[in-house]
Amino acid sequence: MRALLLVAGLVLAFIILSPMLRGWRPRLFGGGERPDQLVKDPFCGTYVLRSRAFRREKGGEALHFCSADCATRFARGERPV
């Protein structure tokens, strides 16, 4: 009987505490950015995985491109076709 009450108490504590722990998870495991999140290429408008994107910085802001060609053309000031 005691074991059943203990298990029920642990399950109840987990149900109550789990929403609070979800908010702390990004900080506990290395920041809020996910490497496989989709990001939009500012030049051609396609979406690419952050982990596979070509990253460039402009004015302290990180920009993500689908290819080195798009990054170069964006840097030159060309317009997308």
C-alpha atoms as a PDB file:
ATOM      1  CA  MET A   1       0.000   0.000   0.000  1.00  0.00           C
ATOM      2  CA  ARG A   2       2.859   2.385   0.859  1.00  0.00           C
ATOM      3  CA  ALA A   3       4.566   1.647  -2.444  1.00  0.00           C
ATOM      4  CA  LEU A   4       1.372   2.486  -4.351  1.00  0.00           C
ATOM      5  CA  LEU A   5       1.038   5.822  -2.528  1.00  0.00           C
ATOM      6  CA  LEU A   6       4.698   6.598  -3.206  1.00  0.00           C
ATOM      7  CA  VAL A   7       4.329   5.886  -6.927  1.00  0.00           C
ATOM      8  CA  ALA A   8       1.137   7.968  -7.098  1.00  0.00           C
ATOM      9  CA  GLY A   9       2.904  10.862  -5.362  1.00  0.00           C
ATOM     10  CA  LEU A  10       5.851  10.707  -7.762  1.00  0.00           C
ATOM     11  CA  VAL A  11       3.550  10.669 -10.796  1.00  0.00           C
ATOM     12  CA  LEU A  12       1.593  13.631  -9.430  1.00  0.00           C
ATOM     13  CA  ALA A  13       4.806  15.565  -8.739  1.00  0.00           C
ATOM     14  CA  PHE A  14       6.016  14.855 -12.285  1.00  0.00           C
ATOM     15  CA  ILE A  15       2.736  16.079 -13.781  1.00  0.00           C
ATOM     16  CA  ILE A  16       2.873  19.288 -11.756  1.00  0.00           C
ATOM     17  CA  LEU A  17       6.580  20.030 -12.301  1.00  0.00           C
ATOM     18  CA  SER A  18       6.992  19.022 -15.955  1.00  0.00           C
ATOM     19  CA  PRO A  19       5.671  22.310 -17.459  1.00  0.00           C
ATOM     20  CA  MET A  20       8.184  24.285 -15.379  1.00  0.00           C
ATOM     21  CA  LEU A  21      11.067  22.025 -16.378  1.00  0.00           C
ATOM     22  CA  ARG A  22      10.282  22.381 -20.092  1.00  0.00           C
ATOM     23  CA  GLY A  23      11.067  26.090 -19.902  1.00  0.00           C
ATOM     24  CA  TRP A  24      14.499  25.422 -18.379  1.00  0.00           C
ATOM     25  CA  ARG A  25      15.522  22.733 -20.875  1.00  0.00           C
ATOM     26  CA  PRO A  26      17.090  25.049 -23.511  1.00  0.00           C
ATOM     27  CA  ARG A  27      19.250  26.763 -20.895  1.00  0.00           C
ATOM     28  CA  LEU A  28      20.338  23.462 -19.365  1.00  0.00           C
ATOM     29  CA  PHE A  29      21.381  21.894 -22.665  1.00  0.00           C
ATOM     30  CA  GLY A  30      23.389  24.543 -24.466  1.00  0.00           C
ATOM     31  CA  GLY A  31      21.239  27.492 -25.397  1.00  0.00           C
ATOM     32  CA  GLY A  32      17.985  28.064 -27.202  1.00  0.00           C
ATOM     33  CA  GLU A  33      19.163  27.693 -30.790  1.00  0.00           C
ATOM     34  CA  ARG A  34      18.541  24.372 -32.435  1.00  0.00           C
ATOM     35  CA  PRO A  35      21.038  23.486 -35.147  1.00  0.00           C
ATOM     36  CA  ASP A  36      18.422  21.825 -37.372  1.00  0.00           C
ATOM     37  CA  GLN A  37      15.964  24.691 -37.338  1.00  0.00           C
ATOM     38  CA  LEU A  38      14.877  26.047 -40.729  1.00  0.00           C
ATOM     39  CA  VAL A  39      16.131  29.532 -41.579  1.00  0.00           C
ATOM     40  CA  LYS A  40      15.264  31.695 -44.582  1.00  0.00           C
ATOM     41  CA  ASP A  41      17.890  32.734 -47.097  1.00  0.00           C
ATOM     42  CA  PRO A  42      17.620  36.554 -47.360  1.00  0.00           C
ATOM     43  CA  PHE A  43      18.719  36.532 -51.005  1.00  0.00           C
ATOM     44  CA  CYS A  44      16.644  33.882 -52.772  1.00  0.00           C
ATOM     45  CA  GLY A  45      14.012  33.218 -50.094  1.00  0.00           C
ATOM     46  CA  THR A  46      14.501  29.457 -49.809  1.00  0.00           C
ATOM     47  CA  TYR A  47      14.580  27.708 -46.457  1.00  0.00           C
ATOM     48  CA  VAL A  48      17.633  25.736 -45.375  1.00  0.00           C
ATOM     49  CA  LEU A  49      18.630  23.837 -42.245  1.00  0.00           C
ATOM     50  CA  ARG A  50      20.690  26.057 -39.964  1.00  0.00           C
ATOM     51  CA  SER A  51      23.292  23.291 -39.612  1.00  0.00           C
ATOM     52  CA  ARG A  52      23.810  23.189 -43.424  1.00  0.00           C
ATOM     53  CA  ALA A  53      23.538  26.916 -44.160  1.00  0.00           C
ATOM     54  CA  PHE A  54      26.372  29.196 -45.237  1.00  0.00           C
ATOM     55  CA  ARG A  55      26.624  31.731 -42.442  1.00  0.00           C
ATOM     56  CA  ARG A  56      27.749  35.322 -42.963  1.00  0.00           C
ATOM     57  CA  GLU A  57      27.586  38.309 -40.638  1.00  0.00           C
ATOM     58  CA  LYS A  58      26.472  41.786 -41.600  1.00  0.00           C
ATOM     59  CA  GLY A  59      26.278  44.581 -39.069  1.00  0.00           C
ATOM     60  CA  GLY A  60      26.585  42.142 -36.166  1.00  0.00           C
ATOM     61  CA  GLU A  61      23.614  40.100 -37.400  1.00  0.00           C
ATOM     62  CA  ALA A  62      24.001  36.481 -38.501  1.00  0.00           C
ATOM     63  CA  LEU A  63      22.615  35.743 -41.967  1.00  0.00           C
ATOM     64  CA  HIS A  64      22.114  32.210 -43.313  1.00  0.00           C
ATOM     65  CA  PHE A  65      22.279  31.340 -47.016  1.00  0.00           C
ATOM     66  CA  CYS A  66      21.404  28.187 -48.946  1.00  0.00           C
ATOM     67  CA  SER A  67      24.630  28.329 -50.984  1.00  0.00           C
ATOM     68  CA  ALA A  68      27.938  30.159 -51.263  1.00  0.00           C
ATOM     69  CA  ASP A  69      26.680  31.640 -54.533  1.00  0.00           C
ATOM     70  CA  CYS A  70      23.687  33.263 -52.820  1.00  0.00           C
ATOM     71  CA  ALA A  71      25.949  34.646 -50.085  1.00  0.00           C
ATOM     72  CA  THR A  72      28.342  36.136 -52.663  1.00  0.00           C
ATOM     73  CA  ARG A  73      25.570  37.638 -54.767  1.00  0.00           C
ATOM     74  CA  PHE A  74      23.942  39.124 -51.653  1.00  0.00           C
ATOM     75  CA  ALA A  75      27.293  40.677 -50.635  1.00  0.00           C
ATOM     76  CA  ARG A  76      27.663  42.227 -54.112  1.00  0.00           C
ATOM     77  CA  GLY A  77      24.216  43.791 -53.839  1.00  0.00           C
ATOM     78  CA  GLU A  78      22.706  41.869 -56.746  1.00  0.00           C
ATOM     79  CA  ARG A  79      18.988  41.286 -56.944  1.00  0.00           C
ATOM     80  CA  PRO A  80      17.516  37.767 -57.049  1.00  0.00           C
ATOM     81  CA  VAL A  81      16.257  36.587 -60.425  1.00  0.00           C
END
